[in-house]
């Protein structure tokens, strides 16, 4: 893991990927955190990480909170373009994780972020790429006509993101519908929230 971002041909210059992975996952009743649960042979979060790495971003910020990703041995976080961002305020809502990542991405010189969730393992790399490369300040993936992450947010909109709560990108989509560019994507936007979700999709 490094703060250096060496890829020569990034998905889009100036756009970083953000994976939100800081929450407690309280609805999941298993032996481990839901993001570490085995899904088709590897942890749920690892699927998301691998898909984002395959999308060839020049920087990938993974927000850590309830799980200490710095010490988590079940995940492969060795890619040089991964930076773990620790959110000490994750209990105040998901948006604090988004703000934590945006703060670091901005300091590193990125002018947009494409944000996705660590519990959505079947969103493919093609969706991350398509959203990042699409025109517009506010771009969302759609799956079968429904808006779901990932969402690209230009730096000009970062100040509109709430300070607390569980709405970040969703609040922007609602606040600035005039800016939204929808990109139809392949894949599945299922999220693993409960034990039954895991059993259903595994």
N, C-alpha and C. Protein backbone atom coordinates (compact mmCIF):
# COMPACT_ATOMS: atom_id res chain seq x y z
N UNK A 1 0.84 -1.19 0.00
CA UNK A 1 0.00 0.00 0.00
C UNK A 1 0.88 1.24 0.00
N UNK A 2 0.47 2.21 -0.74
CA UNK A 2 1.33 3.37 -0.90
C UNK A 2 0.51 4.60 -1.19
N UNK A 3 1.05 5.76 -0.88
CA UNK A 3 0.42 7.01 -1.27
C UNK A 3 0.80 7.40 -2.69
N UNK A 4 1.68 6.64 -3.31
CA UNK A 4 2.05 6.90 -4.69
C UNK A 4 1.10 6.14 -5.60
N UNK A 5 0.83 6.70 -6.76
CA UNK A 5 -0.17 6.13 -7.65
C UNK A 5 0.47 5.91 -9.03
N UNK A 6 1.06 4.73 -9.29
CA UNK A 6 1.97 4.55 -10.41
C UNK A 6 1.35 4.16 -11.73
N UNK A 7 0.05 3.87 -11.80
CA UNK A 7 -0.49 3.41 -13.07
C UNK A 7 -0.25 4.44 -14.18
N UNK A 8 0.15 3.96 -15.35
CA UNK A 8 0.44 4.85 -16.46
C UNK A 8 -0.81 5.22 -17.24
N UNK A 9 -1.81 4.36 -17.24
CA UNK A 9 -3.03 4.62 -18.00
C UNK A 9 -4.25 4.46 -17.10
N UNK A 10 -4.50 5.45 -16.22
CA UNK A 10 -5.62 5.34 -15.30
C UNK A 10 -6.96 5.40 -16.01
N UNK A 11 -8.01 4.96 -15.30
CA UNK A 11 -9.36 4.98 -15.87
C UNK A 11 -9.71 6.38 -16.35
N UNK A 12 -9.52 7.37 -15.53
CA UNK A 12 -9.69 8.75 -15.96
C UNK A 12 -8.76 9.61 -15.13
N UNK A 13 -7.96 10.40 -15.79
CA UNK A 13 -7.02 11.25 -15.07
C UNK A 13 -7.78 12.19 -14.14
N UNK A 14 -7.35 12.25 -12.90
CA UNK A 14 -7.99 13.14 -11.95
C UNK A 14 -9.11 12.52 -11.15
N UNK A 15 -9.48 11.26 -11.46
CA UNK A 15 -10.56 10.59 -10.74
C UNK A 15 -10.02 9.43 -9.93
N UNK A 16 -10.33 9.42 -8.65
CA UNK A 16 -9.92 8.33 -7.76
C UNK A 16 -11.14 7.50 -7.39
N UNK A 17 -10.89 6.24 -7.03
CA UNK A 17 -11.97 5.37 -6.55
C UNK A 17 -12.02 5.42 -5.03
N UNK A 18 -13.23 5.35 -4.49
CA UNK A 18 -13.44 5.30 -3.05
C UNK A 18 -14.33 4.11 -2.73
N UNK A 19 -13.87 3.26 -1.83
CA UNK A 19 -14.68 2.13 -1.35
C UNK A 19 -15.02 2.41 0.11
N UNK A 20 -16.31 2.51 0.40
CA UNK A 20 -16.75 2.76 1.76
C UNK A 20 -16.89 1.43 2.50
N UNK A 21 -16.06 1.23 3.52
CA UNK A 21 -16.01 -0.06 4.21
C UNK A 21 -15.82 0.11 5.71
N UNK A 22 -16.43 1.17 6.26
CA UNK A 22 -16.16 1.51 7.66
C UNK A 22 -17.26 1.13 8.64
N UNK A 23 -18.46 0.83 8.14
CA UNK A 23 -19.59 0.63 9.03
C UNK A 23 -19.52 -0.64 9.86
N UNK A 24 -20.38 -0.70 10.88
CA UNK A 24 -20.40 -1.85 11.78
C UNK A 24 -21.07 -3.08 11.16
N UNK A 25 -21.96 -2.87 10.19
CA UNK A 25 -22.69 -3.99 9.62
C UNK A 25 -23.55 -4.70 10.66
N UNK A 26 -24.30 -3.94 11.43
CA UNK A 26 -25.01 -4.47 12.58
C UNK A 26 -26.13 -5.44 12.22
N UNK A 27 -26.65 -5.37 11.00
CA UNK A 27 -27.75 -6.26 10.62
C UNK A 27 -27.26 -7.67 10.31
N UNK A 28 -25.96 -7.82 10.18
CA UNK A 28 -25.41 -9.14 9.83
C UNK A 28 -25.11 -9.92 11.11
N UNK A 29 -25.72 -11.11 11.24
CA UNK A 29 -25.51 -11.93 12.43
C UNK A 29 -24.65 -13.14 12.08
N UNK A 30 -23.36 -12.92 12.01
CA UNK A 30 -22.45 -14.02 11.69
C UNK A 30 -21.26 -14.01 12.62
N UNK A 31 -20.34 -14.91 12.36
CA UNK A 31 -19.14 -15.03 13.20
C UNK A 31 -18.13 -13.93 12.92
N UNK A 32 -18.27 -13.26 11.79
CA UNK A 32 -17.33 -12.21 11.42
C UNK A 32 -18.11 -11.00 10.95
N UNK A 33 -17.44 -9.93 10.67
CA UNK A 33 -18.07 -8.77 10.04
C UNK A 33 -18.53 -9.18 8.65
N UNK A 34 -19.63 -8.60 8.20
CA UNK A 34 -20.19 -9.02 6.91
C UNK A 34 -19.21 -8.83 5.76
N UNK A 35 -18.36 -7.82 5.83
CA UNK A 35 -17.42 -7.57 4.73
C UNK A 35 -16.34 -8.63 4.64
N UNK A 36 -16.16 -9.38 5.73
CA UNK A 36 -15.14 -10.44 5.76
C UNK A 36 -15.76 -11.81 5.55
N UNK A 37 -17.09 -11.87 5.43
CA UNK A 37 -17.77 -13.15 5.24
C UNK A 37 -17.41 -13.75 3.88
N UNK A 38 -17.35 -15.07 3.83
CA UNK A 38 -16.98 -15.76 2.60
C UNK A 38 -18.12 -15.69 1.59
N UNK A 39 -17.82 -15.11 0.43
CA UNK A 39 -18.78 -15.00 -0.66
C UNK A 39 -18.15 -15.59 -1.91
N UNK A 40 -18.63 -16.75 -2.32
CA UNK A 40 -18.10 -17.41 -3.52
C UNK A 40 -16.58 -17.56 -3.48
N UNK A 41 -16.05 -17.88 -2.30
CA UNK A 41 -14.65 -18.22 -2.19
C UNK A 41 -13.72 -17.16 -1.66
N UNK A 42 -14.21 -15.94 -1.48
CA UNK A 42 -13.35 -14.90 -0.90
C UNK A 42 -14.22 -13.88 -0.17
N UNK A 43 -13.63 -13.06 0.68
CA UNK A 43 -14.42 -12.11 1.45
C UNK A 43 -15.22 -11.16 0.56
N UNK A 44 -16.38 -10.77 1.05
CA UNK A 44 -17.24 -9.84 0.31
C UNK A 44 -16.46 -8.61 -0.14
N UNK A 45 -15.73 -8.01 0.78
CA UNK A 45 -14.98 -6.79 0.46
C UNK A 45 -13.89 -7.05 -0.57
N UNK A 46 -13.30 -8.24 -0.56
CA UNK A 46 -12.24 -8.53 -1.52
C UNK A 46 -12.77 -8.50 -2.95
N UNK A 47 -14.00 -8.95 -3.16
CA UNK A 47 -14.60 -8.86 -4.49
C UNK A 47 -14.64 -7.41 -4.97
N UNK A 48 -15.05 -6.53 -4.08
CA UNK A 48 -15.15 -5.11 -4.45
C UNK A 48 -13.76 -4.56 -4.75
N UNK A 49 -12.81 -4.85 -3.89
CA UNK A 49 -11.45 -4.37 -4.10
C UNK A 49 -10.90 -4.86 -5.43
N UNK A 50 -11.05 -6.14 -5.70
CA UNK A 50 -10.52 -6.71 -6.94
C UNK A 50 -11.17 -6.09 -8.17
N UNK A 51 -12.47 -5.85 -8.11
CA UNK A 51 -13.16 -5.23 -9.25
C UNK A 51 -12.67 -3.81 -9.49
N UNK A 52 -12.44 -3.09 -8.40
CA UNK A 52 -11.95 -1.71 -8.55
C UNK A 52 -10.52 -1.69 -9.08
N UNK A 53 -9.67 -2.57 -8.56
CA UNK A 53 -8.30 -2.65 -9.06
C UNK A 53 -8.29 -2.96 -10.56
N UNK A 54 -9.17 -3.87 -10.97
CA UNK A 54 -9.25 -4.24 -12.38
C UNK A 54 -9.69 -3.07 -13.25
N UNK A 55 -10.42 -2.13 -12.67
CA UNK A 55 -10.86 -0.95 -13.41
C UNK A 55 -9.74 0.05 -13.64
N UNK A 56 -8.58 -0.21 -13.04
CA UNK A 56 -7.36 0.54 -13.34
C UNK A 56 -7.41 2.01 -12.94
N UNK A 57 -7.90 2.27 -11.73
CA UNK A 57 -7.81 3.62 -11.19
C UNK A 57 -6.38 3.90 -10.76
N UNK A 58 -5.99 5.15 -10.81
CA UNK A 58 -4.64 5.51 -10.37
C UNK A 58 -4.56 5.62 -8.86
N UNK A 59 -5.72 5.69 -8.19
CA UNK A 59 -5.74 5.69 -6.72
C UNK A 59 -7.03 5.05 -6.25
N UNK A 60 -6.91 4.21 -5.24
CA UNK A 60 -8.07 3.57 -4.63
C UNK A 60 -8.01 3.84 -3.13
N UNK A 61 -8.99 4.56 -2.61
CA UNK A 61 -9.06 4.87 -1.19
C UNK A 61 -10.12 3.97 -0.55
N UNK A 62 -9.70 3.15 0.41
CA UNK A 62 -10.62 2.28 1.12
C UNK A 62 -10.78 2.82 2.53
N UNK A 63 -12.01 3.11 2.90
CA UNK A 63 -12.24 3.73 4.21
C UNK A 63 -12.47 2.66 5.25
N UNK A 64 -11.65 2.69 6.29
CA UNK A 64 -11.66 1.72 7.38
C UNK A 64 -12.30 2.34 8.61
N UNK A 65 -12.99 1.49 9.40
CA UNK A 65 -13.61 1.99 10.62
C UNK A 65 -13.80 0.88 11.62
N UNK A 66 -14.96 0.21 11.54
CA UNK A 66 -15.27 -0.87 12.48
C UNK A 66 -14.28 -2.02 12.34
N UNK A 67 -13.84 -2.29 11.10
CA UNK A 67 -12.76 -3.25 10.88
C UNK A 67 -11.48 -2.45 10.72
N UNK A 68 -10.42 -2.87 11.37
CA UNK A 68 -9.13 -2.22 11.19
C UNK A 68 -8.45 -2.85 9.98
N UNK A 69 -8.60 -2.21 8.83
CA UNK A 69 -8.07 -2.78 7.59
C UNK A 69 -6.54 -2.80 7.57
N UNK A 70 -5.93 -1.99 8.41
CA UNK A 70 -4.47 -1.98 8.46
C UNK A 70 -3.92 -3.31 8.96
N UNK A 71 -4.72 -4.03 9.74
CA UNK A 71 -4.22 -5.27 10.34
C UNK A 71 -5.03 -6.50 9.91
N UNK A 72 -5.96 -6.34 8.99
CA UNK A 72 -6.84 -7.45 8.60
C UNK A 72 -6.12 -8.39 7.63
N UNK A 73 -5.83 -9.60 8.08
CA UNK A 73 -5.02 -10.53 7.32
C UNK A 73 -5.80 -11.29 6.25
N UNK A 74 -7.13 -11.27 6.32
CA UNK A 74 -7.92 -12.05 5.36
C UNK A 74 -8.08 -11.35 4.01
N UNK A 75 -7.63 -10.10 3.93
CA UNK A 75 -7.77 -9.33 2.69
C UNK A 75 -6.43 -9.12 2.02
N UNK A 76 -6.47 -9.07 0.70
CA UNK A 76 -5.27 -8.74 -0.07
C UNK A 76 -5.30 -7.25 -0.40
N UNK A 77 -4.50 -6.50 0.32
CA UNK A 77 -4.46 -5.04 0.16
C UNK A 77 -3.08 -4.58 -0.30
N UNK A 78 -2.39 -5.45 -1.03
CA UNK A 78 -1.00 -5.18 -1.37
C UNK A 78 -0.81 -4.32 -2.62
N UNK A 79 -1.88 -4.06 -3.36
CA UNK A 79 -1.73 -3.23 -4.57
C UNK A 79 -1.15 -1.86 -4.21
N UNK A 80 -0.21 -1.40 -5.00
CA UNK A 80 0.48 -0.14 -4.70
C UNK A 80 -0.43 1.08 -4.79
N UNK A 81 -1.57 0.95 -5.47
CA UNK A 81 -2.41 2.14 -5.59
C UNK A 81 -3.50 2.21 -4.52
N UNK A 82 -3.47 1.28 -3.55
CA UNK A 82 -4.44 1.31 -2.46
C UNK A 82 -3.92 2.18 -1.30
N UNK A 83 -4.79 3.06 -0.83
CA UNK A 83 -4.53 3.82 0.39
C UNK A 83 -5.69 3.59 1.35
N UNK A 84 -5.39 3.15 2.55
CA UNK A 84 -6.42 2.97 3.56
C UNK A 84 -6.61 4.29 4.31
N UNK A 85 -7.85 4.74 4.37
CA UNK A 85 -8.20 5.97 5.08
C UNK A 85 -8.96 5.58 6.34
N UNK A 86 -8.42 5.93 7.49
CA UNK A 86 -9.08 5.58 8.76
C UNK A 86 -10.10 6.66 9.12
N UNK A 87 -11.33 6.23 9.30
CA UNK A 87 -12.39 7.15 9.72
C UNK A 87 -12.72 6.88 11.19
N UNK A 88 -12.27 7.76 12.05
CA UNK A 88 -12.49 7.58 13.48
C UNK A 88 -13.90 7.98 13.90
N UNK A 89 -14.64 8.60 12.98
CA UNK A 89 -16.00 9.05 13.28
C UNK A 89 -17.05 8.23 12.55
N UNK A 90 -16.72 6.99 12.18
CA UNK A 90 -17.62 6.20 11.34
C UNK A 90 -18.98 5.97 11.98
N UNK A 91 -19.06 5.99 13.32
CA UNK A 91 -20.34 5.75 13.98
C UNK A 91 -21.31 6.91 13.79
N UNK A 92 -20.84 8.02 13.27
CA UNK A 92 -21.71 9.17 13.02
C UNK A 92 -22.39 9.09 11.66
N UNK A 93 -22.16 8.02 10.92
CA UNK A 93 -22.86 7.84 9.65
C UNK A 93 -21.91 7.66 8.48
N UNK A 94 -22.46 7.03 7.43
CA UNK A 94 -21.65 6.69 6.26
C UNK A 94 -21.03 7.91 5.58
N UNK A 95 -21.72 9.04 5.66
CA UNK A 95 -21.21 10.22 4.97
C UNK A 95 -19.87 10.68 5.56
N UNK A 96 -19.62 10.37 6.84
CA UNK A 96 -18.33 10.74 7.41
C UNK A 96 -17.19 9.97 6.73
N UNK A 97 -17.48 8.77 6.27
CA UNK A 97 -16.48 8.00 5.54
C UNK A 97 -16.22 8.62 4.17
N UNK A 98 -17.29 9.03 3.51
CA UNK A 98 -17.13 9.69 2.21
C UNK A 98 -16.32 10.97 2.36
N UNK A 99 -16.63 11.74 3.38
CA UNK A 99 -15.90 13.00 3.59
C UNK A 99 -14.43 12.74 3.93
N UNK A 100 -14.17 11.68 4.69
CA UNK A 100 -12.78 11.35 5.03
C UNK A 100 -11.98 11.02 3.76
N UNK A 101 -12.58 10.24 2.88
CA UNK A 101 -11.90 9.85 1.64
C UNK A 101 -11.70 11.05 0.73
N UNK A 102 -12.72 11.87 0.61
CA UNK A 102 -12.63 13.04 -0.26
C UNK A 102 -11.55 14.00 0.22
N UNK A 103 -11.43 14.14 1.54
CA UNK A 103 -10.40 15.02 2.08
C UNK A 103 -9.00 14.57 1.66
N UNK A 104 -8.75 13.26 1.76
CA UNK A 104 -7.44 12.74 1.38
C UNK A 104 -7.25 12.80 -0.13
N UNK A 105 -8.27 12.45 -0.88
CA UNK A 105 -8.17 12.49 -2.35
C UNK A 105 -7.89 13.90 -2.84
N UNK A 106 -8.55 14.87 -2.23
CA UNK A 106 -8.31 16.26 -2.61
C UNK A 106 -6.89 16.70 -2.30
N UNK A 107 -6.39 16.31 -1.14
CA UNK A 107 -5.01 16.64 -0.78
C UNK A 107 -4.02 16.00 -1.77
N UNK A 108 -4.39 14.83 -2.29
CA UNK A 108 -3.52 14.14 -3.24
C UNK A 108 -3.67 14.66 -4.67
N UNK A 109 -4.55 15.64 -4.86
CA UNK A 109 -4.66 16.29 -6.16
C UNK A 109 -5.76 15.77 -7.07
N UNK A 110 -6.62 14.90 -6.56
CA UNK A 110 -7.70 14.38 -7.41
C UNK A 110 -8.87 15.35 -7.43
N UNK A 111 -9.53 15.44 -8.58
CA UNK A 111 -10.59 16.42 -8.78
C UNK A 111 -11.97 15.78 -8.88
N UNK A 112 -12.04 14.46 -8.72
CA UNK A 112 -13.32 13.75 -8.71
C UNK A 112 -13.09 12.40 -8.03
N UNK A 113 -14.15 11.87 -7.46
CA UNK A 113 -14.08 10.52 -6.88
C UNK A 113 -15.25 9.70 -7.42
N UNK A 114 -15.00 8.43 -7.62
CA UNK A 114 -16.07 7.49 -7.95
C UNK A 114 -16.25 6.58 -6.74
N UNK A 115 -17.43 6.65 -6.14
CA UNK A 115 -17.68 6.06 -4.84
C UNK A 115 -18.56 4.82 -4.95
N UNK A 116 -18.14 3.76 -4.26
CA UNK A 116 -18.94 2.55 -4.19
C UNK A 116 -18.91 1.97 -2.79
N UNK A 117 -19.69 0.93 -2.58
CA UNK A 117 -19.84 0.34 -1.26
C UNK A 117 -19.11 -0.99 -1.15
N UNK A 118 -18.55 -1.23 0.02
CA UNK A 118 -17.78 -2.45 0.23
C UNK A 118 -18.61 -3.71 0.33
N UNK A 119 -19.94 -3.56 0.40
CA UNK A 119 -20.80 -4.75 0.53
C UNK A 119 -21.55 -5.08 -0.75
N UNK A 120 -21.06 -4.57 -1.90
CA UNK A 120 -21.70 -4.84 -3.20
C UNK A 120 -20.72 -5.59 -4.10
N UNK A 121 -20.58 -6.90 -3.89
CA UNK A 121 -19.52 -7.66 -4.56
C UNK A 121 -19.73 -7.94 -6.03
N UNK A 122 -20.94 -7.78 -6.54
CA UNK A 122 -21.22 -8.14 -7.92
C UNK A 122 -21.33 -6.95 -8.86
N UNK A 123 -20.87 -5.79 -8.40
CA UNK A 123 -20.73 -4.63 -9.29
C UNK A 123 -19.39 -4.78 -10.00
N UNK A 124 -19.38 -5.02 -11.30
CA UNK A 124 -18.14 -5.37 -11.99
C UNK A 124 -17.25 -4.17 -12.27
N UNK A 125 -16.04 -4.46 -12.65
CA UNK A 125 -15.08 -3.40 -12.98
C UNK A 125 -15.60 -2.53 -14.11
N UNK A 126 -16.36 -3.12 -15.04
CA UNK A 126 -16.88 -2.35 -16.18
C UNK A 126 -17.80 -1.22 -15.72
N UNK A 127 -18.54 -1.45 -14.64
CA UNK A 127 -19.42 -0.39 -14.12
C UNK A 127 -18.60 0.75 -13.53
N UNK A 128 -17.58 0.40 -12.76
CA UNK A 128 -16.70 1.42 -12.19
C UNK A 128 -16.05 2.24 -13.30
N UNK A 129 -15.61 1.57 -14.35
CA UNK A 129 -14.96 2.27 -15.46
C UNK A 129 -15.94 3.16 -16.19
N UNK A 130 -17.11 2.63 -16.49
CA UNK A 130 -18.09 3.39 -17.27
C UNK A 130 -18.52 4.66 -16.55
N UNK A 131 -18.76 4.56 -15.24
CA UNK A 131 -19.16 5.74 -14.48
C UNK A 131 -18.03 6.76 -14.43
N UNK A 132 -16.82 6.29 -14.23
CA UNK A 132 -15.67 7.21 -14.11
C UNK A 132 -15.37 7.93 -15.41
N UNK A 133 -15.59 7.26 -16.52
CA UNK A 133 -15.25 7.85 -17.82
C UNK A 133 -16.39 8.66 -18.43
N UNK A 134 -17.57 8.60 -17.82
CA UNK A 134 -18.72 9.34 -18.36
C UNK A 134 -18.58 10.83 -18.11
N UNK A 135 -19.17 11.61 -19.00
CA UNK A 135 -19.16 13.06 -18.85
C UNK A 135 -20.11 13.48 -17.73
N UNK A 136 -19.73 14.55 -17.05
CA UNK A 136 -20.63 15.13 -16.07
C UNK A 136 -20.01 15.26 -14.69
N UNK A 137 -20.59 16.16 -13.90
CA UNK A 137 -20.13 16.39 -12.53
C UNK A 137 -20.70 15.38 -11.56
N UNK A 138 -21.83 14.76 -11.92
CA UNK A 138 -22.52 13.83 -11.03
C UNK A 138 -23.05 12.68 -11.89
N UNK A 139 -22.39 11.55 -11.79
CA UNK A 139 -22.70 10.41 -12.67
C UNK A 139 -23.03 9.20 -11.81
N UNK A 140 -24.13 8.53 -12.12
CA UNK A 140 -24.49 7.34 -11.36
C UNK A 140 -24.69 6.15 -12.28
N UNK A 141 -24.32 4.99 -11.80
CA UNK A 141 -24.63 3.76 -12.50
C UNK A 141 -26.12 3.47 -12.35
N UNK A 142 -26.69 2.80 -13.35
CA UNK A 142 -28.03 2.25 -13.21
C UNK A 142 -27.97 0.78 -13.58
N UNK A 143 -28.72 -0.01 -12.84
CA UNK A 143 -28.83 -1.44 -13.10
C UNK A 143 -30.31 -1.75 -13.29
N UNK A 144 -30.66 -2.19 -14.48
CA UNK A 144 -32.07 -2.43 -14.83
C UNK A 144 -32.92 -1.19 -14.55
N UNK A 145 -32.35 -0.03 -14.80
CA UNK A 145 -33.08 1.23 -14.66
C UNK A 145 -33.04 1.84 -13.28
N UNK A 146 -32.45 1.16 -12.31
CA UNK A 146 -32.41 1.67 -10.94
C UNK A 146 -31.03 2.26 -10.62
N UNK A 147 -31.03 3.43 -10.02
CA UNK A 147 -29.77 4.09 -9.66
C UNK A 147 -29.13 3.39 -8.47
N UNK A 148 -27.86 3.05 -8.61
CA UNK A 148 -27.09 2.42 -7.54
C UNK A 148 -25.63 2.84 -7.68
N UNK A 149 -24.86 2.74 -6.61
CA UNK A 149 -23.42 2.99 -6.74
C UNK A 149 -22.80 2.00 -7.72
N UNK A 150 -21.69 2.41 -8.34
CA UNK A 150 -20.87 3.59 -8.02
C UNK A 150 -21.42 4.90 -8.58
N UNK A 151 -20.99 5.98 -7.92
CA UNK A 151 -21.38 7.33 -8.30
C UNK A 151 -20.12 8.19 -8.38
N UNK A 152 -20.00 8.93 -9.48
CA UNK A 152 -18.86 9.87 -9.61
C UNK A 152 -19.31 11.26 -9.16
N UNK A 153 -18.47 11.87 -8.31
CA UNK A 153 -18.77 13.19 -7.78
C UNK A 153 -17.59 14.12 -8.07
N UNK A 154 -17.86 15.18 -8.79
CA UNK A 154 -16.83 16.17 -9.09
C UNK A 154 -16.55 17.04 -7.86
N UNK A 155 -15.31 17.53 -7.77
CA UNK A 155 -14.92 18.31 -6.60
C UNK A 155 -15.78 19.57 -6.40
N UNK A 156 -16.37 20.09 -7.45
CA UNK A 156 -17.21 21.28 -7.30
C UNK A 156 -18.46 21.01 -6.47
N UNK A 157 -18.80 19.72 -6.28
CA UNK A 157 -19.98 19.36 -5.51
C UNK A 157 -19.65 18.86 -4.11
N UNK A 158 -18.38 18.75 -3.80
CA UNK A 158 -18.00 18.15 -2.52
C UNK A 158 -18.52 18.95 -1.32
N UNK A 159 -18.61 20.26 -1.46
CA UNK A 159 -19.08 21.09 -0.34
C UNK A 159 -20.57 20.88 -0.07
N UNK A 160 -21.30 20.27 -1.01
CA UNK A 160 -22.74 20.04 -0.84
C UNK A 160 -23.03 18.74 -0.09
N UNK A 161 -22.00 17.94 0.14
CA UNK A 161 -22.18 16.66 0.82
C UNK A 161 -22.46 16.92 2.30
N UNK A 162 -23.48 16.26 2.87
CA UNK A 162 -23.81 16.47 4.29
C UNK A 162 -22.63 16.18 5.22
N UNK A 163 -22.70 16.69 6.42
CA UNK A 163 -21.63 16.51 7.40
C UNK A 163 -21.83 15.22 8.18
N UNK A 164 -23.09 14.84 8.41
CA UNK A 164 -23.36 13.62 9.18
C UNK A 164 -24.54 12.88 8.56
N UNK A 165 -24.74 11.64 9.01
CA UNK A 165 -25.84 10.84 8.49
C UNK A 165 -25.37 9.76 7.53
N UNK A 166 -26.31 9.02 6.97
CA UNK A 166 -25.98 7.90 6.10
C UNK A 166 -26.21 8.20 4.62
N UNK A 167 -26.44 9.46 4.30
CA UNK A 167 -26.62 9.83 2.89
C UNK A 167 -25.49 10.72 2.43
N UNK A 168 -24.83 10.31 1.38
CA UNK A 168 -23.78 11.12 0.78
C UNK A 168 -24.12 11.38 -0.67
N UNK A 169 -23.75 10.43 -1.53
CA UNK A 169 -24.05 10.55 -2.95
C UNK A 169 -25.56 10.63 -3.20
N UNK A 170 -26.34 9.87 -2.43
CA UNK A 170 -27.79 9.89 -2.63
C UNK A 170 -28.37 11.28 -2.42
N UNK A 171 -27.84 11.98 -1.44
CA UNK A 171 -28.36 13.32 -1.18
C UNK A 171 -28.05 14.26 -2.34
N UNK A 172 -26.89 14.09 -2.95
CA UNK A 172 -26.54 14.92 -4.11
C UNK A 172 -27.44 14.60 -5.31
N UNK A 173 -27.72 13.32 -5.51
CA UNK A 173 -28.60 12.94 -6.63
C UNK A 173 -29.97 13.57 -6.47
N UNK A 174 -30.43 13.68 -5.23
CA UNK A 174 -31.72 14.29 -4.95
C UNK A 174 -31.65 15.81 -5.01
N UNK A 175 -30.54 16.36 -4.54
CA UNK A 175 -30.39 17.82 -4.46
C UNK A 175 -30.14 18.46 -5.82
N UNK A 176 -29.37 17.77 -6.66
CA UNK A 176 -29.01 18.33 -7.98
C UNK A 176 -29.39 17.38 -9.11
N UNK A 177 -30.69 17.13 -9.29
CA UNK A 177 -31.11 16.24 -10.38
C UNK A 177 -30.75 16.76 -11.75
N UNK A 178 -30.57 18.08 -11.84
CA UNK A 178 -30.22 18.69 -13.12
C UNK A 178 -28.83 18.29 -13.59
N UNK A 179 -27.99 17.82 -12.69
CA UNK A 179 -26.61 17.47 -13.04
C UNK A 179 -26.41 15.98 -13.27
N UNK A 180 -27.41 15.18 -12.95
CA UNK A 180 -27.21 13.73 -12.94
C UNK A 180 -27.12 13.17 -14.36
N UNK A 181 -26.08 12.38 -14.58
CA UNK A 181 -25.92 11.61 -15.82
C UNK A 181 -26.00 10.14 -15.45
N UNK A 182 -26.99 9.44 -15.98
CA UNK A 182 -27.17 8.02 -15.69
C UNK A 182 -26.43 7.17 -16.72
N UNK A 183 -25.73 6.17 -16.23
CA UNK A 183 -24.98 5.27 -17.12
C UNK A 183 -25.47 3.84 -16.90
N UNK A 184 -26.17 3.25 -17.86
CA UNK A 184 -26.61 1.86 -17.72
C UNK A 184 -25.41 0.93 -17.63
N UNK A 185 -25.44 0.03 -16.66
CA UNK A 185 -24.31 -0.87 -16.43
C UNK A 185 -24.78 -2.32 -16.32
N UNK A 186 -23.87 -3.21 -16.65
CA UNK A 186 -24.12 -4.63 -16.44
C UNK A 186 -23.69 -5.00 -15.01
N UNK A 187 -24.13 -6.16 -14.57
CA UNK A 187 -23.79 -6.60 -13.23
C UNK A 187 -25.00 -6.58 -12.33
N UNK A 188 -24.76 -6.79 -11.05
CA UNK A 188 -25.85 -6.83 -10.08
C UNK A 188 -25.52 -5.94 -8.89
N UNK A 189 -26.47 -5.08 -8.48
CA UNK A 189 -26.21 -4.17 -7.36
C UNK A 189 -26.61 -4.75 -6.00
N UNK A 190 -26.69 -6.06 -5.88
CA UNK A 190 -27.07 -6.64 -4.59
C UNK A 190 -26.05 -6.25 -3.52
N UNK A 191 -26.57 -6.01 -2.31
CA UNK A 191 -25.65 -5.74 -1.20
C UNK A 191 -25.87 -6.78 -0.11
N UNK A 192 -24.80 -7.09 0.58
CA UNK A 192 -24.83 -8.11 1.63
C UNK A 192 -25.01 -7.41 2.96
N UNK A 193 -26.24 -7.38 3.45
CA UNK A 193 -26.53 -6.74 4.73
C UNK A 193 -26.79 -7.74 5.84
N UNK A 194 -27.36 -8.90 5.48
CA UNK A 194 -27.77 -9.87 6.48
C UNK A 194 -27.21 -11.25 6.15
N UNK A 195 -27.32 -12.13 7.10
CA UNK A 195 -26.89 -13.51 6.87
C UNK A 195 -27.70 -14.17 5.75
N UNK A 196 -28.99 -13.85 5.69
CA UNK A 196 -29.84 -14.42 4.64
C UNK A 196 -29.44 -13.89 3.27
N UNK A 197 -28.99 -12.63 3.20
CA UNK A 197 -28.48 -12.10 1.93
C UNK A 197 -27.29 -12.94 1.45
N UNK A 198 -26.40 -13.23 2.36
CA UNK A 198 -25.20 -14.00 2.01
C UNK A 198 -25.59 -15.39 1.54
N UNK A 199 -26.48 -16.03 2.26
CA UNK A 199 -26.90 -17.38 1.89
C UNK A 199 -27.66 -17.42 0.57
N UNK A 200 -28.42 -16.37 0.35
CA UNK A 200 -29.22 -16.30 -0.89
C UNK A 200 -28.34 -16.18 -2.13
N UNK A 201 -27.32 -15.37 -2.03
CA UNK A 201 -26.52 -15.06 -3.23
C UNK A 201 -25.25 -15.89 -3.33
N UNK A 202 -24.90 -16.63 -2.29
CA UNK A 202 -23.64 -17.36 -2.31
C UNK A 202 -23.71 -18.57 -3.24
